[in-house]
C-alpha atoms as a PDB file:
ATOM      1  CA  UNK A   1       6.241  10.705  16.375  1.00  0.00           C
ATOM      2  CA  UNK A   2       7.982  14.053  15.975  1.00  0.00           C
ATOM      3  CA  UNK A   3      10.239  15.452  18.670  1.00  0.00           C
ATOM      4  CA  UNK A   4       8.209  17.804  20.892  1.00  0.00           C
ATOM      5  CA  UNK A   5      10.550  20.754  20.214  1.00  0.00           C
ATOM      6  CA  UNK A   6       9.961  20.390  16.482  1.00  0.00           C
ATOM      7  CA  UNK A   7       6.256  19.725  16.815  1.00  0.00           C
ATOM      8  CA  UNK A   8       5.900  22.961  18.781  1.00  0.00           C
ATOM      9  CA  UNK A   9       7.037  24.907  15.695  1.00  0.00           C
ATOM     10  CA  UNK A  10       3.699  24.230  13.983  1.00  0.00           C
ATOM     11  CA  UNK A  11       1.782  25.771  16.872  1.00  0.00           C
ATOM     12  CA  UNK A  12       4.121  28.774  16.934  1.00  0.00           C
ATOM     13  CA  UNK A  13       3.580  29.227  13.211  1.00  0.00           C
ATOM     14  CA  UNK A  14      -0.208  29.305  13.524  1.00  0.00           C
ATOM     15  CA  UNK A  15       0.140  31.788  16.384  1.00  0.00           C
ATOM     16  CA  UNK A  16       2.404  33.997  14.229  1.00  0.00           C
ATOM     17  CA  UNK A  17       5.204  33.571  16.767  1.00  0.00           C
ATOM     18  CA  UNK A  18       7.683  31.692  14.598  1.00  0.00           C
ATOM     19  CA  UNK A  19      11.175  33.192  14.488  1.00  0.00           C
ATOM     20  CA  UNK A  20      12.818  34.036  11.163  1.00  0.00           C
ATOM     21  CA  UNK A  21      15.666  31.572  11.861  1.00  0.00           C
ATOM     22  CA  UNK A  22      16.317  28.561  14.101  1.00  0.00           C
ATOM     23  CA  UNK A  23      19.594  26.867  15.011  1.00  0.00           C
ATOM     24  CA  UNK A  24      18.845  23.232  15.863  1.00  0.00           C
ATOM     25  CA  UNK A  25      21.393  21.159  17.778  1.00  0.00           C
ATOM     26  CA  UNK A  26      20.824  17.419  17.501  1.00  0.00           C
ATOM     27  CA  UNK A  27      22.582  14.106  17.982  1.00  0.00           C
ATOM     28  CA  UNK A  28      21.040  12.701  14.790  1.00  0.00           C
ATOM     29  CA  UNK A  29      21.149  15.112  11.852  1.00  0.00           C
ATOM     30  CA  UNK A  30      19.350  12.818   9.410  1.00  0.00           C
ATOM     31  CA  UNK A  31      16.505  11.956  11.760  1.00  0.00           C
ATOM     32  CA  UNK A  32      16.125  15.602  12.759  1.00  0.00           C
ATOM     33  CA  UNK A  33      16.052  16.678   9.111  1.00  0.00           C
ATOM     34  CA  UNK A  34      13.439  14.046   8.278  1.00  0.00           C
ATOM     35  CA  UNK A  35      11.182  15.176  11.122  1.00  0.00           C
ATOM     36  CA  UNK A  36      11.763  18.842  10.279  1.00  0.00           C
ATOM     37  CA  UNK A  37      10.524  18.155   6.743  1.00  0.00           C
ATOM     38  CA  UNK A  38       7.303  16.768   8.220  1.00  0.00           C
ATOM     39  CA  UNK A  39       6.921  19.966  10.243  1.00  0.00           C
ATOM     40  CA  UNK A  40       7.436  22.054   7.112  1.00  0.00           C
ATOM     41  CA  UNK A  41       4.858  19.981   5.250  1.00  0.00           C
ATOM     42  CA  UNK A  42       2.375  20.678   8.025  1.00  0.00           C
ATOM     43  CA  UNK A  43       3.158  24.397   7.897  1.00  0.00           C
ATOM     44  CA  UNK A  44       2.773  24.527   4.126  1.00  0.00           C
ATOM     45  CA  UNK A  45      -0.219  22.193   3.792  1.00  0.00           C
ATOM     46  CA  UNK A  46      -3.242  23.835   2.131  1.00  0.00           C
ATOM     47  CA  UNK A  47      -5.676  21.399   3.743  1.00  0.00           C
ATOM     48  CA  UNK A  48      -5.895  19.488   7.035  1.00  0.00           C
ATOM     49  CA  UNK A  49      -2.444  17.922   7.215  1.00  0.00           C
ATOM     50  CA  UNK A  50      -2.046  14.182   7.586  1.00  0.00           C
ATOM     51  CA  UNK A  51       1.167  12.166   7.343  1.00  0.00           C
ATOM     52  CA  UNK A  52      -0.062  10.666   4.074  1.00  0.00           C
ATOM     53  CA  UNK A  53      -1.637  13.809   2.700  1.00  0.00           C
ATOM     54  CA  UNK A  54      -3.292  13.280  -0.694  1.00  0.00           C
ATOM     55  CA  UNK A  55      -5.498  16.379  -0.915  1.00  0.00           C
ATOM     56  CA  UNK A  56      -2.787  18.805  -2.016  1.00  0.00           C
ATOM     57  CA  UNK A  57       0.444  18.336  -3.917  1.00  0.00           C
ATOM     58  CA  UNK A  58       2.668  20.340  -1.547  1.00  0.00           C
ATOM     59  CA  UNK A  59       3.932  17.351   0.454  1.00  0.00           C
ATOM     60  CA  UNK A  60       4.785  15.420  -2.681  1.00  0.00           C
ATOM     61  CA  UNK A  61       6.684  18.400  -4.101  1.00  0.00           C
ATOM     62  CA  UNK A  62       8.668  18.714  -0.863  1.00  0.00           C
ATOM     63  CA  UNK A  63       9.554  15.010  -0.934  1.00  0.00           C
ATOM     64  CA  UNK A  64      10.690  15.303  -4.549  1.00  0.00           C
ATOM     65  CA  UNK A  65      12.594  18.577  -3.886  1.00  0.00           C
ATOM     66  CA  UNK A  66      10.502  20.314  -6.537  1.00  0.00           C
ATOM     67  CA  UNK A  67       8.756  22.938  -4.401  1.00  0.00           C
ATOM     68  CA  UNK A  68      10.276  26.345  -5.319  1.00  0.00           C
ATOM     69  CA  UNK A  69       9.594  27.795  -1.870  1.00  0.00           C
ATOM     70  CA  UNK A  70      11.473  25.006  -0.041  1.00  0.00           C
ATOM     71  CA  UNK A  71      15.237  24.734  -0.403  1.00  0.00           C
ATOM     72  CA  UNK A  72      17.665  22.337   1.272  1.00  0.00           C
ATOM     73  CA  UNK A  73      21.350  23.295   1.257  1.00  0.00           C
ATOM     74  CA  UNK A  74      23.673  20.307   1.642  1.00  0.00           C
ATOM     75  CA  UNK A  75      27.425  19.929   1.376  1.00  0.00           C
ATOM     76  CA  UNK A  76      29.000  19.407  -2.035  1.00  0.00           C
ATOM     77  CA  UNK A  77      32.382  17.664  -1.769  1.00  0.00           C
ATOM     78  CA  UNK A  78      32.243  17.984   2.041  1.00  0.00           C
ATOM     79  CA  UNK A  79      31.531  21.750   2.176  1.00  0.00           C
ATOM     80  CA  UNK A  80      28.676  24.167   1.562  1.00  0.00           C
ATOM     81  CA  UNK A  81      29.844  26.650  -1.081  1.00  0.00           C
ATOM     82  CA  UNK A  82      29.316  30.400  -1.299  1.00  0.00           C
ATOM     83  CA  UNK A  83      27.633  29.895  -4.674  1.00  0.00           C
ATOM     84  CA  UNK A  84      24.946  27.733  -3.052  1.00  0.00           C
ATOM     85  CA  UNK A  85      24.031  30.555  -0.656  1.00  0.00           C
ATOM     86  CA  UNK A  86      24.023  33.113  -3.472  1.00  0.00           C
ATOM     87  CA  UNK A  87      21.683  30.855  -5.444  1.00  0.00           C
ATOM     88  CA  UNK A  88      19.413  30.580  -2.386  1.00  0.00           C
ATOM     89  CA  UNK A  89      19.293  34.371  -2.037  1.00  0.00           C
ATOM     90  CA  UNK A  90      18.450  34.746  -5.716  1.00  0.00           C
ATOM     91  CA  UNK A  91      15.697  32.108  -5.544  1.00  0.00           C
ATOM     92  CA  UNK A  92      14.142  33.698  -2.448  1.00  0.00           C
ATOM     93  CA  UNK A  93      14.400  37.291  -3.682  1.00  0.00           C
ATOM     94  CA  UNK A  94      10.728  37.210  -4.695  1.00  0.00           C
ATOM     95  CA  UNK A  95       7.587  36.253  -2.778  1.00  0.00           C
ATOM     96  CA  UNK A  96       6.666  32.558  -2.785  1.00  0.00           C
ATOM     97  CA  UNK A  97       4.080  31.424  -5.318  1.00  0.00           C
ATOM     98  CA  UNK A  98       2.552  28.238  -3.914  1.00  0.00           C
ATOM     99  CA  UNK A  99       2.972  28.883  -0.195  1.00  0.00           C
ATOM    100  CA  UNK A 100       2.887  31.788   2.244  1.00  0.00           C
ATOM    101  CA  UNK A 101       6.596  31.539   3.089  1.00  0.00           C
ATOM    102  CA  UNK A 102       9.914  30.564   1.612  1.00  0.00           C
ATOM    103  CA  UNK A 103      11.681  28.067   3.875  1.00  0.00           C
ATOM    104  CA  UNK A 104      15.290  26.903   3.670  1.00  0.00           C
ATOM    105  CA  UNK A 105      17.225  24.292   5.635  1.00  0.00           C
ATOM    106  CA  UNK A 106      21.002  24.299   6.040  1.00  0.00           C
ATOM    107  CA  UNK A 107      21.968  20.698   6.813  1.00  0.00           C
ATOM    108  CA  UNK A 108      25.175  20.236   8.786  1.00  0.00           C
ATOM    109  CA  UNK A 109      25.783  23.926   9.420  1.00  0.00           C
ATOM    110  CA  UNK A 110      29.431  23.328  10.347  1.00  0.00           C
ATOM    111  CA  UNK A 111      30.165  22.537   6.700  1.00  0.00           C
ATOM    112  CA  UNK A 112      29.670  26.183   5.711  1.00  0.00           C
ATOM    113  CA  UNK A 113      32.979  27.605   4.496  1.00  0.00           C
ATOM    114  CA  UNK A 114      34.111  30.994   5.793  1.00  0.00           C
ATOM    115  CA  UNK A 115      32.939  32.687   2.581  1.00  0.00           C
ATOM    116  CA  UNK A 116      29.590  30.878   2.482  1.00  0.00           C
ATOM    117  CA  UNK A 117      29.053  31.603   6.196  1.00  0.00           C
ATOM    118  CA  UNK A 118      29.721  35.304   5.647  1.00  0.00           C
ATOM    119  CA  UNK A 119      27.303  35.337   2.719  1.00  0.00           C
ATOM    120  CA  UNK A 120      24.744  33.528   4.870  1.00  0.00           C
ATOM    121  CA  UNK A 121      25.263  36.088   7.617  1.00  0.00           C
ATOM    122  CA  UNK A 122      24.306  38.920   5.288  1.00  0.00           C
ATOM    123  CA  UNK A 123      21.166  36.961   4.451  1.00  0.00           C
ATOM    124  CA  UNK A 124      20.337  36.734   8.170  1.00  0.00           C
ATOM    125  CA  UNK A 125      21.137  40.318   9.120  1.00  0.00           C
ATOM    126  CA  UNK A 126      18.131  41.761   7.296  1.00  0.00           C
ATOM    127  CA  UNK A 127      15.456  39.060   7.580  1.00  0.00           C
ATOM    128  CA  UNK A 128      12.420  39.346   5.341  1.00  0.00           C
ATOM    129  CA  UNK A 129       8.976  38.477   6.653  1.00  0.00           C
ATOM    130  CA  UNK A 130       8.292  35.741   4.118  1.00  0.00           C
ATOM    131  CA  UNK A 131      11.543  33.794   4.728  1.00  0.00           C
ATOM    132  CA  UNK A 132      12.142  31.213   7.488  1.00  0.00           C
ATOM    133  CA  UNK A 133      15.470  29.417   7.944  1.00  0.00           C
ATOM    134  CA  UNK A 134      16.586  26.310   9.824  1.00  0.00           C
ATOM    135  CA  UNK A 135      20.219  25.466  10.580  1.00  0.00           C
ATOM    136  CA  UNK A 136      20.980  21.924  11.765  1.00  0.00           C
ATOM    137  CA  UNK A 137      24.190  21.037  13.613  1.00  0.00           C
ATOM    138  CA  UNK A 138      25.548  18.311  15.874  1.00  0.00           C
ATOM    139  CA  UNK A 139      27.760  20.770  17.788  1.00  0.00           C
ATOM    140  CA  UNK A 140      26.375  24.220  18.477  1.00  0.00           C
ATOM    141  CA  UNK A 141      29.608  25.316  20.167  1.00  0.00           C
ATOM    142  CA  UNK A 142      31.441  25.327  16.824  1.00  0.00           C
ATOM    143  CA  UNK A 143      28.836  27.407  14.978  1.00  0.00           C
ATOM    144  CA  UNK A 144      29.951  30.965  14.242  1.00  0.00           C
ATOM    145  CA  UNK A 145      28.778  33.241  17.074  1.00  0.00           C
ATOM    146  CA  UNK A 146      27.519  35.757  14.504  1.00  0.00           C
ATOM    147  CA  UNK A 147      25.157  33.150  13.035  1.00  0.00           C
ATOM    148  CA  UNK A 148      24.230  31.735  16.432  1.00  0.00           C
ATOM    149  CA  UNK A 149      23.269  35.178  17.775  1.00  0.00           C
ATOM    150  CA  UNK A 150      20.822  35.734  14.925  1.00  0.00           C
ATOM    151  CA  UNK A 151      18.936  32.465  15.429  1.00  0.00           C
ATOM    152  CA  UNK A 152      16.649  31.065  18.061  1.00  0.00           C
ATOM    153  CA  UNK A 153      18.142  27.861  19.465  1.00  0.00           C
ATOM    154  CA  UNK A 154      16.440  24.472  19.730  1.00  0.00           C
ATOM    155  CA  UNK A 155      17.854  21.246  21.162  1.00  0.00           C
ATOM    156  CA  UNK A 156      16.526  18.074  19.564  1.00  0.00           C
ATOM    157  CA  UNK A 157      17.944  14.876  21.054  1.00  0.00           C
ATOM    158  CA  UNK A 158      16.910  11.300  20.425  1.00  0.00           C
ATOM    159  CA  UNK A 159      17.287   8.043  22.283  1.00  0.00           C
ATOM    160  CA  UNK A 160      18.982   5.488  20.044  1.00  0.00           C
ATOM    161  CA  UNK A 161      16.411   2.900  20.967  1.00  0.00           C
ATOM    162  CA  UNK A 162      12.898   3.566  22.258  1.00  0.00           C
ATOM    163  CA  UNK A 163      13.068   0.283  24.160  1.00  0.00           C
ATOM    164  CA  UNK A 164      15.679   1.047  26.834  1.00  0.00           C
ATOM    165  CA  UNK A 165      15.276  -2.411  28.317  1.00  0.00           C
ATOM    166  CA  UNK A 166      16.785  -3.895  25.155  1.00  0.00           C
ATOM    167  CA  UNK A 167      19.827  -1.659  25.513  1.00  0.00           C
ATOM    168  CA  UNK A 168      20.418  -2.658  29.114  1.00  0.00           C
ATOM    169  CA  UNK A 169      20.136  -6.297  28.098  1.00  0.00           C
ATOM    170  CA  UNK A 170      22.721  -5.884  25.341  1.00  0.00           C
ATOM    171  CA  UNK A 171      25.537  -8.360  25.939  1.00  0.00           C
ATOM    172  CA  UNK A 172      28.148  -5.780  24.851  1.00  0.00           C
ATOM    173  CA  UNK A 173      27.030  -3.103  27.313  1.00  0.00           C
ATOM    174  CA  UNK A 174      29.298  -4.204  30.185  1.00  0.00           C
ATOM    175  CA  UNK A 175      32.330  -4.237  27.874  1.00  0.00           C
ATOM    176  CA  UNK A 176      31.401  -0.752  26.641  1.00  0.00           C
ATOM    177  CA  UNK A 177      31.015   0.584  30.193  1.00  0.00           C
ATOM    178  CA  UNK A 178      34.387  -0.889  31.193  1.00  0.00           C
ATOM    179  CA  UNK A 179      35.937   0.572  28.043  1.00  0.00           C
ATOM    180  CA  UNK A 180      34.577   4.062  28.763  1.00  0.00           C
ATOM    181  CA  UNK A 181      35.533   3.958  32.437  1.00  0.00           C
ATOM    182  CA  UNK A 182      39.067   2.953  31.460  1.00  0.00           C
ATOM    183  CA  UNK A 183      39.365   5.394  28.582  1.00  0.00           C
ATOM    184  CA  UNK A 184      38.237   8.359  30.694  1.00  0.00           C
ATOM    185  CA  UNK A 185      40.686   7.450  33.460  1.00  0.00           C
ATOM    186  CA  UNK A 186      43.583   6.220  31.331  1.00  0.00           C
ATOM    187  CA  UNK A 187      43.676   7.434  27.745  1.00  0.00           C
ATOM    188  CA  UNK A 188      46.168   4.837  26.517  1.00  0.00           C
ATOM    189  CA  UNK A 189      45.527   4.017  22.865  1.00  0.00           C
ATOM    190  CA  UNK A 190      46.919   0.492  22.762  1.00  0.00           C
ATOM    191  CA  UNK A 191      45.544  -0.621  26.106  1.00  0.00           C
ATOM    192  CA  UNK A 192      42.027   0.623  25.396  1.00  0.00           C
ATOM    193  CA  UNK A 193      41.937  -0.480  21.774  1.00  0.00           C
ATOM    194  CA  UNK A 194      42.572  -4.085  22.756  1.00  0.00           C
ATOM    195  CA  UNK A 195      39.393  -4.059  24.843  1.00  0.00           C
ATOM    196  CA  UNK A 196      37.273  -3.737  21.696  1.00  0.00           C
ATOM    197  CA  UNK A 197      39.313  -5.502  19.026  1.00  0.00           C
ATOM    198  CA  UNK A 198      37.938  -8.858  20.122  1.00  0.00           C
ATOM    199  CA  UNK A 199      34.877  -7.708  18.198  1.00  0.00           C
ATOM    200  CA  UNK A 200      36.275  -8.025  14.684  1.00  0.00           C
ATOM    201  CA  UNK A 201      33.028  -7.419  12.784  1.00  0.00           C
ATOM    202  CA  UNK A 202      32.320  -3.860  11.589  1.00  0.00           C
ATOM    203  CA  UNK A 203      28.663  -4.111  12.574  1.00  0.00           C
ATOM    204  CA  UNK A 204      29.715  -5.073  16.101  1.00  0.00           C
ATOM    205  CA  UNK A 205      31.929  -1.985  16.337  1.00  0.00           C
ATOM    206  CA  UNK A 206      29.090   0.194  15.021  1.00  0.00           C
ATOM    207  CA  UNK A 207      26.806  -1.255  17.661  1.00  0.00           C
ATOM    208  CA  UNK A 208      29.426  -0.547  20.329  1.00  0.00           C
ATOM    209  CA  UNK A 209      29.720   3.106  19.316  1.00  0.00           C
ATOM    210  CA  UNK A 210      25.929   3.354  19.233  1.00  0.00           C
ATOM    211  CA  UNK A 211      25.983   2.166  22.844  1.00  0.00           C
ATOM    212  CA  UNK A 212      28.685   4.730  23.653  1.00  0.00           C
ATOM    213  CA  UNK A 213      26.490   7.421  22.133  1.00  0.00           C
ATOM    214  CA  UNK A 214      23.527   6.203  24.176  1.00  0.00           C
ATOM    215  CA  UNK A 215      25.593   6.347  27.393  1.00  0.00           C
ATOM    216  CA  UNK A 216      26.782   9.925  26.814  1.00  0.00           C
ATOM    217  CA  UNK A 217      23.241  10.995  25.888  1.00  0.00           C
ATOM    218  CA  UNK A 218      21.873   9.375  29.031  1.00  0.00           C
ATOM    219  CA  UNK A 219      24.445  11.241  31.123  1.00  0.00           C
ATOM    220  CA  UNK A 220      23.472  14.465  29.331  1.00  0.00           C
ATOM    221  CA  UNK A 221      19.734  13.966  29.801  1.00  0.00           C
ATOM    222  CA  UNK A 222      19.592  12.260  33.200  1.00  0.00           C
ATOM    223  CA  UNK A 223      23.001  12.839  34.782  1.00  0.00           C
ATOM    224  CA  UNK A 224      23.689   9.200  35.479  1.00  0.00           C
ATOM    225  CA  UNK A 225      23.919   5.644  34.215  1.00  0.00           C
ATOM    226  CA  UNK A 226      24.666   2.541  36.257  1.00  0.00           C
ATOM    227  CA  UNK A 227      28.279   1.417  36.226  1.00  0.00           C
ATOM    228  CA  UNK A 228      29.796   4.669  34.914  1.00  0.00           C
ATOM    229  CA  UNK A 229      32.395   6.141  37.290  1.00  0.00           C
ATOM    230  CA  UNK A 230      33.441   9.291  35.444  1.00  0.00           C
ATOM    231  CA  UNK A 231      30.147  11.172  34.943  1.00  0.00           C
ATOM    232  CA  UNK A 232      30.814  13.674  37.749  1.00  0.00           C
ATOM    233  CA  UNK A 233      34.050  14.735  36.024  1.00  0.00           C
ATOM    234  CA  UNK A 234      32.259  15.938  32.860  1.00  0.00           C
ATOM    235  CA  UNK A 235      30.540  19.260  32.357  1.00  0.00           C
ATOM    236  CA  UNK A 236      27.813  19.992  29.806  1.00  0.00           C
ATOM    237  CA  UNK A 237      30.256  20.987  27.053  1.00  0.00           C
ATOM    238  CA  UNK A 238      32.434  17.894  27.682  1.00  0.00           C
ATOM    239  CA  UNK A 239      29.434  15.646  27.135  1.00  0.00           C
ATOM    240  CA  UNK A 240      28.284  17.486  23.992  1.00  0.00           C
ATOM    241  CA  UNK A 241      31.815  17.215  22.560  1.00  0.00           C
ATOM    242  CA  UNK A 242      31.817  13.466  23.228  1.00  0.00           C
ATOM    243  CA  UNK A 243      28.409  13.065  21.590  1.00  0.00           C
ATOM    244  CA  UNK A 244      29.647  14.950  18.531  1.00  0.00           C
ATOM    245  CA  UNK A 245      32.872  12.895  18.363  1.00  0.00           C
ATOM    246  CA  UNK A 246      31.011   9.583  18.713  1.00  0.00           C
ATOM    247  CA  UNK A 247      28.551  10.606  15.998  1.00  0.00           C
ATOM    248  CA  UNK A 248      31.450  11.322  13.625  1.00  0.00           C
ATOM    249  CA  UNK A 249      33.041   7.955  14.396  1.00  0.00           C
ATOM    250  CA  UNK A 250      29.763   6.185  13.588  1.00  0.00           C
ATOM    251  CA  UNK A 251      29.498   8.118  10.311  1.00  0.00           C
ATOM    252  CA  UNK A 252      33.061   7.118   9.370  1.00  0.00           C
ATOM    253  CA  UNK A 253      32.312   3.476  10.168  1.00  0.00           C
ATOM    254  CA  UNK A 254      29.569   3.659   7.545  1.00  0.00           C
ATOM    255  CA  UNK A 255      32.215   4.610   4.976  1.00  0.00           C
ATOM    256  CA  UNK A 256      34.457   1.590   5.678  1.00  0.00           C
ATOM    257  CA  UNK A 257      37.131   3.558   7.485  1.00  0.00           C
ATOM    258  CA  UNK A 258      39.860   1.487   9.133  1.00  0.00           C
ATOM    259  CA  UNK A 259      38.546   0.288  12.505  1.00  0.00           C
ATOM    260  CA  UNK A 260      41.877   0.371  14.374  1.00  0.00           C
ATOM    261  CA  UNK A 261      42.594   3.905  13.175  1.00  0.00           C
ATOM    262  CA  UNK A 262      39.128   5.024  14.239  1.00  0.00           C
ATOM    263  CA  UNK A 263      39.629   3.550  17.712  1.00  0.00           C
ATOM    264  CA  UNK A 264      42.958   5.406  17.945  1.00  0.00           C
ATOM    265  CA  UNK A 265      41.301   8.630  16.781  1.00  0.00           C
ATOM    266  CA  UNK A 266      38.512   8.278  19.303  1.00  0.00           C
ATOM    267  CA  UNK A 267      40.972   8.057  22.203  1.00  0.00           C
ATOM    268  CA  UNK A 268      43.189  10.881  20.900  1.00  0.00           C
ATOM    269  CA  UNK A 269      40.338  13.328  20.231  1.00  0.00           C
ATOM    270  CA  UNK A 270      38.593  12.447  23.471  1.00  0.00           C
ATOM    271  CA  UNK A 271      41.834  13.206  25.309  1.00  0.00           C
ATOM    272  CA  UNK A 272      42.030  16.605  23.666  1.00  0.00           C
END
């Protein structure tokens, strides 16, 4: 099921009320991108859209990245280059052939370099009617104000687990709550690190940081979670920064980064 904020884009499109550019803040870039692609399929579909559409070839072309009017810009060697934006502008300089609009998606907007961001800005300053853009980020506060001001903003957040009961029954949850309470009150690297190092399996540590992410998201969405003592000390930006930091730690755990160094980094950056 698509996030309601994304699903609403289809209705706006059919009502001719879709903006020329959207800045989407999310706590799960990959999941958001996947659901956004489904929205774009529905917008482009030449027939009655279904999730397994077989009546037109548009959805298949989008999945295979072969549709000329749909472009995804991703980082190359950790950054999005100026040349990638110039290529996008060149590709979209003419009207689309197979669809009514050209649509582009900038994944992980914060990976735009200064030169690519400036080139992108020129692309946004004079929007053309047949071009729609989506920028995805996990921290809207770090997006260039000049880009942010030219986009309509959407917030797309996900629960890590649709079955919240399973999360509250997780045997590690109490340790995670104690860890967070201690780390927010006393940001001592060694003392706090020892609380988690009894879990020596990488998958355990990933699960722990997934629980941390869930806790911060719950505080963001509902303002509370049982057992947490520090929630009243955090403002909206504090919580978003913690969500963004935790997401980066989880990503680094997927790349076999040193666990002890990541735990140190988490405490240091959280303290900043």
